[in-house]
Amino acid sequence: MVPGVECLGDLLSAQGYRLSFLGGASTEFAGKGRFYRDHGFKHVYGLQTLQKHLEDPEYVNDWGLYDDTLYDLTLDEIERLDSQSDSPWGSLT
C-alpha cells in the first residue's frame, strides 16, 4: 500500500460497495492479491481458489484459467453478489 494514495476500490468500499476480484492466475503473482485486499476488495479469488470449482480441475494452461472458465465463474460471482442484499457491489476480472 502506498500511503496517501487512494484507488477506485478504496473509494467504492468507503461508499459501501461489496467488491470482488477474480483472476485466472495466482493472486501471489506481483502482489496482486495483497493489492486488491489492501484497497477495499473483500473477496479476492485467483487460480488456487477458483480451480477447485472447475468441473475438470486440469482444464488450465501454464498461466492459469482459460478465459471461458473465468468468464463463467465471474457470472456466478455476479449472481452471488446481486442476490445477497440491496447494497451496491462490483466485480473486477
PDB file of N, CA and C in Angstrom:
ATOM      1  N   MET A   1       0.846  -1.172   0.000  1.00  0.00           N
ATOM      2  CA  MET A   1       0.000   0.000   0.000  1.00  0.00           C
ATOM      3  C   MET A   1       0.893   1.238   0.000  1.00  0.00           C
ATOM      4  N   VAL A   2       0.504   2.207  -0.781  1.00  0.00           N
ATOM      5  CA  VAL A   2       1.254   3.454  -0.843  1.00  0.00           C
ATOM      6  C   VAL A   2       0.517   4.480   0.012  1.00  0.00           C
ATOM      7  N   PRO A   3       1.156   4.984   1.053  1.00  0.00           N
ATOM      8  CA  PRO A   3       0.489   5.952   1.938  1.00  0.00           C
ATOM      9  C   PRO A   3      -0.012   7.175   1.161  1.00  0.00           C
ATOM     10  N   GLY A   4      -1.242   7.563   1.452  1.00  0.00           N
ATOM     11  CA  GLY A   4      -1.825   8.747   0.846  1.00  0.00           C
ATOM     12  C   GLY A   4      -2.385   8.554  -0.552  1.00  0.00           C
ATOM     13  N   VAL A   5      -2.291   7.351  -1.105  1.00  0.00           N
ATOM     14  CA  VAL A   5      -2.793   7.090  -2.450  1.00  0.00           C
ATOM     15  C   VAL A   5      -4.065   6.253  -2.349  1.00  0.00           C
ATOM     16  N   GLU A   6      -5.123   6.747  -2.958  1.00  0.00           N
ATOM     17  CA  GLU A   6      -6.384   6.008  -2.963  1.00  0.00           C
ATOM     18  C   GLU A   6      -6.664   5.479  -4.366  1.00  0.00           C
ATOM     19  N   CYS A   7      -7.204   4.282  -4.415  1.00  0.00           N
ATOM     20  CA  CYS A   7      -7.602   3.657  -5.670  1.00  0.00           C
ATOM     21  C   CYS A   7      -9.124   3.619  -5.733  1.00  0.00           C
ATOM     22  N   LEU A   8      -9.638   3.266  -6.888  1.00  0.00           N
ATOM     23  CA  LEU A   8     -11.086   3.183  -7.052  1.00  0.00           C
ATOM     24  C   LEU A   8     -11.698   2.232  -6.027  1.00  0.00           C
ATOM     25  N   GLY A   9     -11.015   1.126  -5.748  1.00  0.00           N
ATOM     26  CA  GLY A   9     -11.519   0.186  -4.747  1.00  0.00           C
ATOM     27  C   GLY A   9     -11.676   0.826  -3.382  1.00  0.00           C
ATOM     28  N   ASP A  10     -10.737   1.671  -2.989  1.00  0.00           N
ATOM     29  CA  ASP A  10     -10.826   2.383  -1.708  1.00  0.00           C
ATOM     30  C   ASP A  10     -12.059   3.281  -1.681  1.00  0.00           C
ATOM     31  N   LEU A  11     -12.261   4.011  -2.759  1.00  0.00           N
ATOM     32  CA  LEU A  11     -13.386   4.951  -2.835  1.00  0.00           C
ATOM     33  C   LEU A  11     -14.728   4.222  -2.822  1.00  0.00           C
ATOM     34  N   LEU A  12     -14.829   3.150  -3.603  1.00  0.00           N
ATOM     35  CA  LEU A  12     -16.090   2.399  -3.650  1.00  0.00           C
ATOM     36  C   LEU A  12     -16.370   1.693  -2.333  1.00  0.00           C
ATOM     37  N   SER A  13     -15.340   1.102  -1.745  1.00  0.00           N
ATOM     38  CA  SER A  13     -15.511   0.428  -0.458  1.00  0.00           C
ATOM     39  C   SER A  13     -15.997   1.412   0.604  1.00  0.00           C
ATOM     40  N   ALA A  14     -15.454   2.618   0.605  1.00  0.00           N
ATOM     41  CA  ALA A  14     -15.869   3.646   1.564  1.00  0.00           C
ATOM     42  C   ALA A  14     -17.322   4.055   1.359  1.00  0.00           C
ATOM     43  N   GLN A  15     -17.841   3.853   0.157  1.00  0.00           N
ATOM     44  CA  GLN A  15     -19.240   4.178  -0.150  1.00  0.00           C
ATOM     45  C   GLN A  15     -20.165   2.977   0.084  1.00  0.00           C
ATOM     46  N   GLY A  16     -19.637   1.885   0.637  1.00  0.00           N
ATOM     47  CA  GLY A  16     -20.462   0.733   0.976  1.00  0.00           C
ATOM     48  C   GLY A  16     -20.547  -0.345  -0.084  1.00  0.00           C
ATOM     49  N   TYR A  17     -19.733  -0.262  -1.127  1.00  0.00           N
ATOM     50  CA  TYR A  17     -19.741  -1.298  -2.154  1.00  0.00           C
ATOM     51  C   TYR A  17     -19.079  -2.568  -1.643  1.00  0.00           C
ATOM     52  N   ARG A  18     -19.639  -3.701  -2.012  1.00  0.00           N
ATOM     53  CA  ARG A  18     -19.033  -5.006  -1.751  1.00  0.00           C
ATOM     54  C   ARG A  18     -18.265  -5.377  -3.011  1.00  0.00           C
ATOM     55  N   LEU A  19     -16.953  -5.516  -2.903  1.00  0.00           N
ATOM     56  CA  LEU A  19     -16.105  -5.691  -4.077  1.00  0.00           C
ATOM     57  C   LEU A  19     -15.455  -7.066  -4.114  1.00  0.00           C
ATOM     58  N   SER A  20     -15.396  -7.625  -5.327  1.00  0.00           N
ATOM     59  CA  SER A  20     -14.735  -8.904  -5.561  1.00  0.00           C
ATOM     60  C   SER A  20     -13.790  -8.771  -6.745  1.00  0.00           C
ATOM     61  N   PHE A  21     -12.669  -9.477  -6.663  1.00  0.00           N
ATOM     62  CA  PHE A  21     -11.728  -9.585  -7.781  1.00  0.00           C
ATOM     63  C   PHE A  21     -11.565 -11.053  -8.120  1.00  0.00           C
ATOM     64  N   LEU A  22     -11.653 -11.392  -9.397  1.00  0.00           N
ATOM     65  CA  LEU A  22     -11.397 -12.745  -9.867  1.00  0.00           C
ATOM     66  C   LEU A  22     -10.333 -12.680 -10.944  1.00  0.00           C
ATOM     67  N   GLY A  23      -9.280 -13.454 -10.782  1.00  0.00           N
ATOM     68  CA  GLY A  23      -8.210 -13.500 -11.768  1.00  0.00           C
ATOM     69  C   GLY A  23      -7.818 -14.930 -12.047  1.00  0.00           C
ATOM     70  N   GLY A  24      -7.470 -15.225 -13.268  1.00  0.00           N
ATOM     71  CA  GLY A  24      -7.147 -16.592 -13.653  1.00  0.00           C
ATOM     72  C   GLY A  24      -5.795 -17.079 -13.188  1.00  0.00           C
ATOM     73  N   ALA A  25      -4.895 -16.171 -12.845  1.00  0.00           N
ATOM     74  CA  ALA A  25      -3.557 -16.545 -12.393  1.00  0.00           C
ATOM     75  C   ALA A  25      -3.515 -16.520 -10.861  1.00  0.00           C
ATOM     76  N   SER A  26      -2.367 -16.856 -10.330  1.00  0.00           N
ATOM     77  CA  SER A  26      -2.184 -16.830  -8.883  1.00  0.00           C
ATOM     78  C   SER A  26      -2.299 -15.403  -8.353  1.00  0.00           C
ATOM     79  N   THR A  27      -2.949 -15.233  -7.229  1.00  0.00           N
ATOM     80  CA  THR A  27      -3.033 -13.914  -6.602  1.00  0.00           C
ATOM     81  C   THR A  27      -1.698 -13.515  -5.990  1.00  0.00           C
ATOM     82  N   GLU A  28      -0.759 -14.449  -5.901  1.00  0.00           N
ATOM     83  CA  GLU A  28       0.577 -14.164  -5.386  1.00  0.00           C
ATOM     84  C   GLU A  28       1.440 -13.461  -6.428  1.00  0.00           C
ATOM     85  N   PHE A  29       1.104 -13.602  -7.699  1.00  0.00           N
ATOM     86  CA  PHE A  29       1.899 -13.002  -8.763  1.00  0.00           C
ATOM     87  C   PHE A  29       1.917 -11.483  -8.622  1.00  0.00           C
ATOM     88  N   ALA A  30       3.096 -10.921  -8.503  1.00  0.00           N
ATOM     89  CA  ALA A  30       3.322  -9.470  -8.430  1.00  0.00           C
ATOM     90  C   ALA A  30       2.553  -8.799  -7.283  1.00  0.00           C
ATOM     91  N   GLY A  31       2.183  -9.579  -6.260  1.00  0.00           N
ATOM     92  CA  GLY A  31       1.472  -8.997  -5.122  1.00  0.00           C
ATOM     93  C   GLY A  31       0.053  -8.571  -5.425  1.00  0.00           C
ATOM     94  N   LYS A  32      -0.507  -9.124  -6.488  1.00  0.00           N
ATOM     95  CA  LYS A  32      -1.835  -8.734  -6.946  1.00  0.00           C
ATOM     96  C   LYS A  32      -2.906  -8.943  -5.882  1.00  0.00           C
ATOM     97  N   GLY A  33      -2.896 -10.076  -5.218  1.00  0.00           N
ATOM     98  CA  GLY A  33      -3.907 -10.349  -4.194  1.00  0.00           C
ATOM     99  C   GLY A  33      -3.818  -9.376  -3.037  1.00  0.00           C
ATOM    100  N   ARG A  34      -2.619  -9.124  -2.590  1.00  0.00           N
ATOM    101  CA  ARG A  34      -2.435  -8.173  -1.487  1.00  0.00           C
ATOM    102  C   ARG A  34      -2.910  -6.782  -1.881  1.00  0.00           C
ATOM    103  N   PHE A  35      -2.588  -6.380  -3.103  1.00  0.00           N
ATOM    104  CA  PHE A  35      -3.018  -5.070  -3.582  1.00  0.00           C
ATOM    105  C   PHE A  35      -4.531  -4.919  -3.491  1.00  0.00           C
ATOM    106  N   TYR A  36      -5.253  -5.885  -4.031  1.00  0.00           N
ATOM    107  CA  TYR A  36      -6.722  -5.784  -4.012  1.00  0.00           C
ATOM    108  C   TYR A  36      -7.278  -5.838  -2.592  1.00  0.00           C
ATOM    109  N   ARG A  37      -6.733  -6.722  -1.756  1.00  0.00           N
ATOM    110  CA  ARG A  37      -7.208  -6.796  -0.369  1.00  0.00           C
ATOM    111  C   ARG A  37      -6.920  -5.497   0.382  1.00  0.00           C
ATOM    112  N   ASP A  38      -5.791  -4.874   0.102  1.00  0.00           N
ATOM    113  CA  ASP A  38      -5.429  -3.612   0.762  1.00  0.00           C
ATOM    114  C   ASP A  38      -6.234  -2.418   0.259  1.00  0.00           C
ATOM    115  N   HIS A  39      -6.956  -2.610  -0.843  1.00  0.00           N
ATOM    116  CA  HIS A  39      -7.689  -1.490  -1.441  1.00  0.00           C
ATOM    117  C   HIS A  39      -9.182  -1.760  -1.573  1.00  0.00           C
ATOM    118  N   GLY A  40      -9.751  -2.357  -0.540  1.00  0.00           N
ATOM    119  CA  GLY A  40     -11.197  -2.421  -0.424  1.00  0.00           C
ATOM    120  C   GLY A  40     -11.905  -3.633  -0.977  1.00  0.00           C
ATOM    121  N   PHE A  41     -11.182  -4.582  -1.556  1.00  0.00           N
ATOM    122  CA  PHE A  41     -11.828  -5.772  -2.110  1.00  0.00           C
ATOM    123  C   PHE A  41     -11.942  -6.829  -1.027  1.00  0.00           C
ATOM    124  N   LYS A  42     -13.173  -7.196  -0.706  1.00  0.00           N
ATOM    125  CA  LYS A  42     -13.413  -8.174   0.356  1.00  0.00           C
ATOM    126  C   LYS A  42     -13.081  -9.597  -0.112  1.00  0.00           C
ATOM    127  N   HIS A  43     -13.426  -9.902  -1.353  1.00  0.00           N
ATOM    128  CA  HIS A  43     -13.178 -11.236  -1.905  1.00  0.00           C
ATOM    129  C   HIS A  43     -12.163 -11.129  -3.036  1.00  0.00           C
ATOM    130  N   VAL A  44     -11.067 -11.876  -2.911  1.00  0.00           N
ATOM    131  CA  VAL A  44     -10.011 -11.893  -3.917  1.00  0.00           C
ATOM    132  C   VAL A  44      -9.757 -13.352  -4.270  1.00  0.00           C
ATOM    133  N   TYR A  45     -10.119 -13.719  -5.493  1.00  0.00           N
ATOM    134  CA  TYR A  45     -10.017 -15.111  -5.926  1.00  0.00           C
ATOM    135  C   TYR A  45      -9.019 -15.234  -7.065  1.00  0.00           C
ATOM    136  N   GLY A  46      -8.143 -16.208  -6.973  1.00  0.00           N
ATOM    137  CA  GLY A  46      -7.180 -16.488  -8.026  1.00  0.00           C
ATOM    138  C   GLY A  46      -7.197 -17.960  -8.366  1.00  0.00           C
ATOM    139  N   LEU A  47      -6.194 -18.390  -9.088  1.00  0.00           N
ATOM    140  CA  LEU A  47      -6.116 -19.764  -9.580  1.00  0.00           C
ATOM    141  C   LEU A  47      -6.345 -20.797  -8.483  1.00  0.00           C
ATOM    142  N   GLN A  48      -5.655 -20.666  -7.357  1.00  0.00           N
ATOM    143  CA  GLN A  48      -5.732 -21.691  -6.315  1.00  0.00           C
ATOM    144  C   GLN A  48      -7.161 -21.862  -5.783  1.00  0.00           C
ATOM    145  N   THR A  49      -7.871 -20.781  -5.650  1.00  0.00           N
ATOM    146  CA  THR A  49      -9.242 -20.844  -5.142  1.00  0.00           C
ATOM    147  C   THR A  49     -10.220 -21.271  -6.228  1.00  0.00           C
ATOM    148  N   LEU A  50     -10.099 -20.678  -7.396  1.00  0.00           N
ATOM    149  CA  LEU A  50     -11.072 -20.913  -8.463  1.00  0.00           C
ATOM    150  C   LEU A  50     -10.945 -22.293  -9.095  1.00  0.00           C
ATOM    151  N   GLN A  51      -9.751 -22.843  -9.146  1.00  0.00           N
ATOM    152  CA  GLN A  51      -9.542 -24.146  -9.777  1.00  0.00           C
ATOM    153  C   GLN A  51     -10.359 -25.234  -9.087  1.00  0.00           C
ATOM    154  N   LYS A  52     -10.609 -25.078  -7.802  1.00  0.00           N
ATOM    155  CA  LYS A  52     -11.402 -26.056  -7.043  1.00  0.00           C
ATOM    156  C   LYS A  52     -12.848 -26.121  -7.518  1.00  0.00           C
ATOM    157  N   HIS A  53     -13.307 -25.083  -8.213  1.00  0.00           N
ATOM    158  CA  HIS A  53     -14.700 -25.017  -8.658  1.00  0.00           C
ATOM    159  C   HIS A  53     -14.896 -25.482 -10.103  1.00  0.00           C
ATOM    160  N   LEU A  54     -13.842 -25.940 -10.738  1.00  0.00           N
ATOM    161  CA  LEU A  54     -13.937 -26.390 -12.119  1.00  0.00           C
ATOM    162  C   LEU A  54     -14.468 -27.813 -12.202  1.00  0.00           C
ATOM    163  N   GLU A  55     -15.262 -28.084 -13.235  1.00  0.00           N
ATOM    164  CA  GLU A  55     -15.697 -29.468 -13.487  1.00  0.00           C
ATOM    165  C   GLU A  55     -14.481 -30.348 -13.721  1.00  0.00           C
ATOM    166  N   ASP A  56     -13.536 -29.831 -14.494  1.00  0.00           N
ATOM    167  CA  ASP A  56     -12.283 -30.533 -14.772  1.00  0.00           C
ATOM    168  C   ASP A  56     -11.131 -29.665 -14.264  1.00  0.00           C
ATOM    169  N   PRO A  57     -10.619 -29.936 -13.063  1.00  0.00           N
ATOM    170  CA  PRO A  57      -9.551 -29.121 -12.483  1.00  0.00           C
ATOM    171  C   PRO A  57      -8.279 -29.064 -13.328  1.00  0.00           C
ATOM    172  N   GLU A  58      -8.160 -29.952 -14.310  1.00  0.00           N
ATOM    173  CA  GLU A  58      -6.988 -29.963 -15.192  1.00  0.00           C
ATOM    174  C   GLU A  58      -7.172 -29.038 -16.393  1.00  0.00           C
ATOM    175  N   TYR A  59      -8.349 -28.417 -16.531  1.00  0.00           N
ATOM    176  CA  TYR A  59      -8.605 -27.509 -17.652  1.00  0.00           C
ATOM    177  C   TYR A  59      -8.021 -26.132 -17.337  1.00  0.00           C
ATOM    178  N   VAL A  60      -6.703 -26.071 -17.350  1.00  0.00           N
ATOM    179  CA  VAL A  60      -5.951 -24.843 -17.107  1.00  0.00           C
ATOM    180  C   VAL A  60      -4.769 -24.830 -18.077  1.00  0.00           C
ATOM    181  N   ASN A  61      -4.144 -23.660 -18.204  1.00  0.00           N
ATOM    182  CA  ASN A  61      -2.950 -23.561 -19.029  1.00  0.00           C
ATOM    183  C   ASN A  61      -1.763 -23.174 -18.148  1.00  0.00           C
ATOM    184  N   ASP A  62      -0.619 -22.912 -18.743  1.00  0.00           N
ATOM    185  CA  ASP A  62       0.574 -22.583 -17.956  1.00  0.00           C
ATOM    186  C   ASP A  62       0.394 -21.316 -17.132  1.00  0.00           C
ATOM    187  N   TRP A  63      -0.441 -20.427 -17.587  1.00  0.00           N
ATOM    188  CA  TRP A  63      -0.682 -19.149 -16.902  1.00  0.00           C
ATOM    189  C   TRP A  63      -1.737 -19.295 -15.812  1.00  0.00           C
ATOM    190  N   GLY A  64      -2.785 -20.091 -16.075  1.00  0.00           N
ATOM    191  CA  GLY A  64      -3.882 -20.244 -15.118  1.00  0.00           C
ATOM    192  C   GLY A  64      -5.145 -20.695 -15.808  1.00  0.00           C
ATOM    193  N   LEU A  65      -6.262 -20.080 -15.444  1.00  0.00           N
ATOM    194  CA  LEU A  65      -7.550 -20.451 -16.013  1.00  0.00           C
ATOM    195  C   LEU A  65      -7.697 -19.923 -17.436  1.00  0.00           C
ATOM    196  N   TYR A  66      -8.438 -20.649 -18.234  1.00  0.00           N
ATOM    197  CA  TYR A  66      -8.802 -20.158 -19.556  1.00  0.00           C
ATOM    198  C   TYR A  66      -9.884 -19.089 -19.400  1.00  0.00           C
ATOM    199  N   ASP A  67      -9.937 -18.181 -20.373  1.00  0.00           N
ATOM    200  CA  ASP A  67     -10.876 -17.068 -20.296  1.00  0.00           C
ATOM    201  C   ASP A  67     -12.334 -17.521 -20.219  1.00  0.00           C
ATOM    202  N   ASP A  68     -12.691 -18.596 -20.941  1.00  0.00           N
ATOM    203  CA  ASP A  68     -14.084 -19.035 -20.902  1.00  0.00           C
ATOM    204  C   ASP A  68     -14.476 -19.491 -19.497  1.00  0.00           C
ATOM    205  N   THR A  69     -13.552 -20.123 -18.807  1.00  0.00           N
ATOM    206  CA  THR A  69     -13.809 -20.568 -17.437  1.00  0.00           C
ATOM    207  C   THR A  69     -13.922 -19.378 -16.497  1.00  0.00           C
ATOM    208  N   LEU A  70     -12.991 -18.445 -16.617  1.00  0.00           N
ATOM    209  CA  LEU A  70     -13.018 -17.258 -15.761  1.00  0.00           C
ATOM    210  C   LEU A  70     -14.299 -16.461 -15.995  1.00  0.00           C
ATOM    211  N   TYR A  71     -14.742 -16.376 -17.224  1.00  0.00           N
ATOM    212  CA  TYR A  71     -15.992 -15.675 -17.541  1.00  0.00           C
ATOM    213  C   TYR A  71     -17.174 -16.327 -16.815  1.00  0.00           C
ATOM    214  N   ASP A  72     -17.276 -17.647 -16.906  1.00  0.00           N
ATOM    215  CA  ASP A  72     -18.384 -18.352 -16.241  1.00  0.00           C
ATOM    216  C   ASP A  72     -18.332 -18.165 -14.727  1.00  0.00           C
ATOM    217  N   LEU A  73     -17.148 -18.239 -14.136  1.00  0.00           N
ATOM    218  CA  LEU A  73     -17.014 -18.048 -12.694  1.00  0.00           C
ATOM    219  C   LEU A  73     -17.342 -16.611 -12.293  1.00  0.00           C
ATOM    220  N   THR A  74     -17.016 -15.666 -13.155  1.00  0.00           N
ATOM    221  CA  THR A  74     -17.354 -14.266 -12.881  1.00  0.00           C
ATOM    222  C   THR A  74     -18.865 -14.067 -12.901  1.00  0.00           C
ATOM    223  N   LEU A  75     -19.556 -14.678 -13.840  1.00  0.00           N
ATOM    224  CA  LEU A  75     -21.022 -14.604 -13.849  1.00  0.00           C
ATOM    225  C   LEU A  75     -21.605 -15.183 -12.566  1.00  0.00           C
ATOM    226  N   ASP A  76     -21.046 -16.284 -12.087  1.00  0.00           N
ATOM    227  CA  ASP A  76     -21.504 -16.875 -10.823  1.00  0.00           C
ATOM    228  C   ASP A  76     -21.292 -15.899  -9.664  1.00  0.00           C
ATOM    229  N   GLU A  77     -20.152 -15.216  -9.653  1.00  0.00           N
ATOM    230  CA  GLU A  77     -19.855 -14.258  -8.582  1.00  0.00           C
ATOM    231  C   GLU A  77     -20.812 -13.072  -8.651  1.00  0.00           C
ATOM    232  N   ILE A  78     -21.107 -12.611  -9.835  1.00  0.00           N
ATOM    233  CA  ILE A  78     -22.055 -11.504 -10.000  1.00  0.00           C
ATOM    234  C   ILE A  78     -23.424 -11.900  -9.465  1.00  0.00           C
ATOM    235  N   GLU A  79     -23.873 -13.090  -9.785  1.00  0.00           N
ATOM    236  CA  GLU A  79     -25.159 -13.574  -9.270  1.00  0.00           C
ATOM    237  C   GLU A  79     -25.139 -13.659  -7.745  1.00  0.00           C
ATOM    238  N   ARG A  80     -24.026 -14.134  -7.184  1.00  0.00           N
ATOM    239  CA  ARG A  80     -23.904 -14.232  -5.727  1.00  0.00           C
ATOM    240  C   ARG A  80     -23.974 -12.850  -5.087  1.00  0.00           C
ATOM    241  N   LEU A  81     -23.209 -11.911  -5.609  1.00  0.00           N
ATOM    242  CA  LEU A  81     -23.208 -10.556  -5.056  1.00  0.00           C
ATOM    243  C   LEU A  81     -24.580  -9.905  -5.170  1.00  0.00           C
ATOM    244  N   ASP A  82     -25.220 -10.089  -6.306  1.00  0.00           N
ATOM    245  CA  ASP A  82     -26.509  -9.449  -6.556  1.00  0.00           C
ATOM    246  C   ASP A  82     -27.624 -10.025  -5.683  1.00  0.00           C
ATOM    247  N   SER A  83     -27.495 -11.287  -5.321  1.00  0.00           N
ATOM    248  CA  SER A  83     -28.562 -11.932  -4.548  1.00  0.00           C
ATOM    249  C   SER A  83     -28.433 -11.725  -3.039  1.00  0.00           C
ATOM    250  N   GLN A  84     -27.292 -11.259  -2.569  1.00  0.00           N
ATOM    251  CA  GLN A  84     -27.052 -11.173  -1.130  1.00  0.00           C
ATOM    252  C   GLN A  84     -27.799 -10.040  -0.445  1.00  0.00           C
ATOM    253  N   SER A  85     -27.838  -8.886  -1.054  1.00  0.00           N
ATOM    254  CA  SER A  85     -28.517  -7.753  -0.419  1.00  0.00           C
ATOM    255  C   SER A  85     -28.720  -6.659  -1.445  1.00  0.00           C
ATOM    256  N   ASP A  86     -29.338  -5.579  -0.987  1.00  0.00           N
ATOM    257  CA  ASP A  86     -29.584  -4.461  -1.888  1.00  0.00           C
ATOM    258  C   ASP A  86     -28.419  -3.475  -1.926  1.00  0.00           C
ATOM    259  N   SER A  87     -27.364  -3.731  -1.162  1.00  0.00           N
ATOM    260  CA  SER A  87     -26.232  -2.811  -1.175  1.00  0.00           C
ATOM    261  C   SER A  87     -25.478  -2.927  -2.509  1.00  0.00           C
ATOM    262  N   PRO A  88     -24.811  -1.859  -2.921  1.00  0.00           N
ATOM    263  CA  PRO A  88     -24.107  -1.890  -4.204  1.00  0.00           C
ATOM    264  C   PRO A  88     -22.930  -2.847  -4.175  1.00  0.00           C
ATOM    265  N   TRP A  89     -22.550  -3.310  -5.345  1.00  0.00           N
ATOM    266  CA  TRP A  89     -21.445  -4.254  -5.450  1.00  0.00           C
ATOM    267  C   TRP A  89     -20.673  -4.011  -6.737  1.00  0.00           C
ATOM    268  N   GLY A  90     -19.509  -4.593  -6.814  1.00  0.00           N
ATOM    269  CA  GLY A  90     -18.701  -4.524  -8.013  1.00  0.00           C
ATOM    270  C   GLY A  90     -17.826  -5.757  -8.100  1.00  0.00           C
ATOM    271  N   SER A  91     -17.604  -6.194  -9.323  1.00  0.00           N
ATOM    272  CA  SER A  91     -16.752  -7.360  -9.549  1.00  0.00           C
ATOM    273  C   SER A  91     -15.771  -7.019 -10.653  1.00  0.00           C
ATOM    274  N   LEU A  92     -14.496  -7.265 -10.403  1.00  0.00           N
ATOM    275  CA  LEU A  92     -13.435  -6.970 -11.359  1.00  0.00           C
ATOM    276  C   LEU A  92     -12.785  -8.279 -11.772  1.00  0.00           C
ATOM    277  N   THR A  93     -12.576  -8.452 -13.050  1.00  0.00           N
ATOM    278  CA  THR A  93     -11.910  -9.643 -13.571  1.00  0.00           C
ATOM    279  C   THR A  93     -10.698  -9.225 -14.347  1.00  0.00           C
TER     280      THR A  93
END
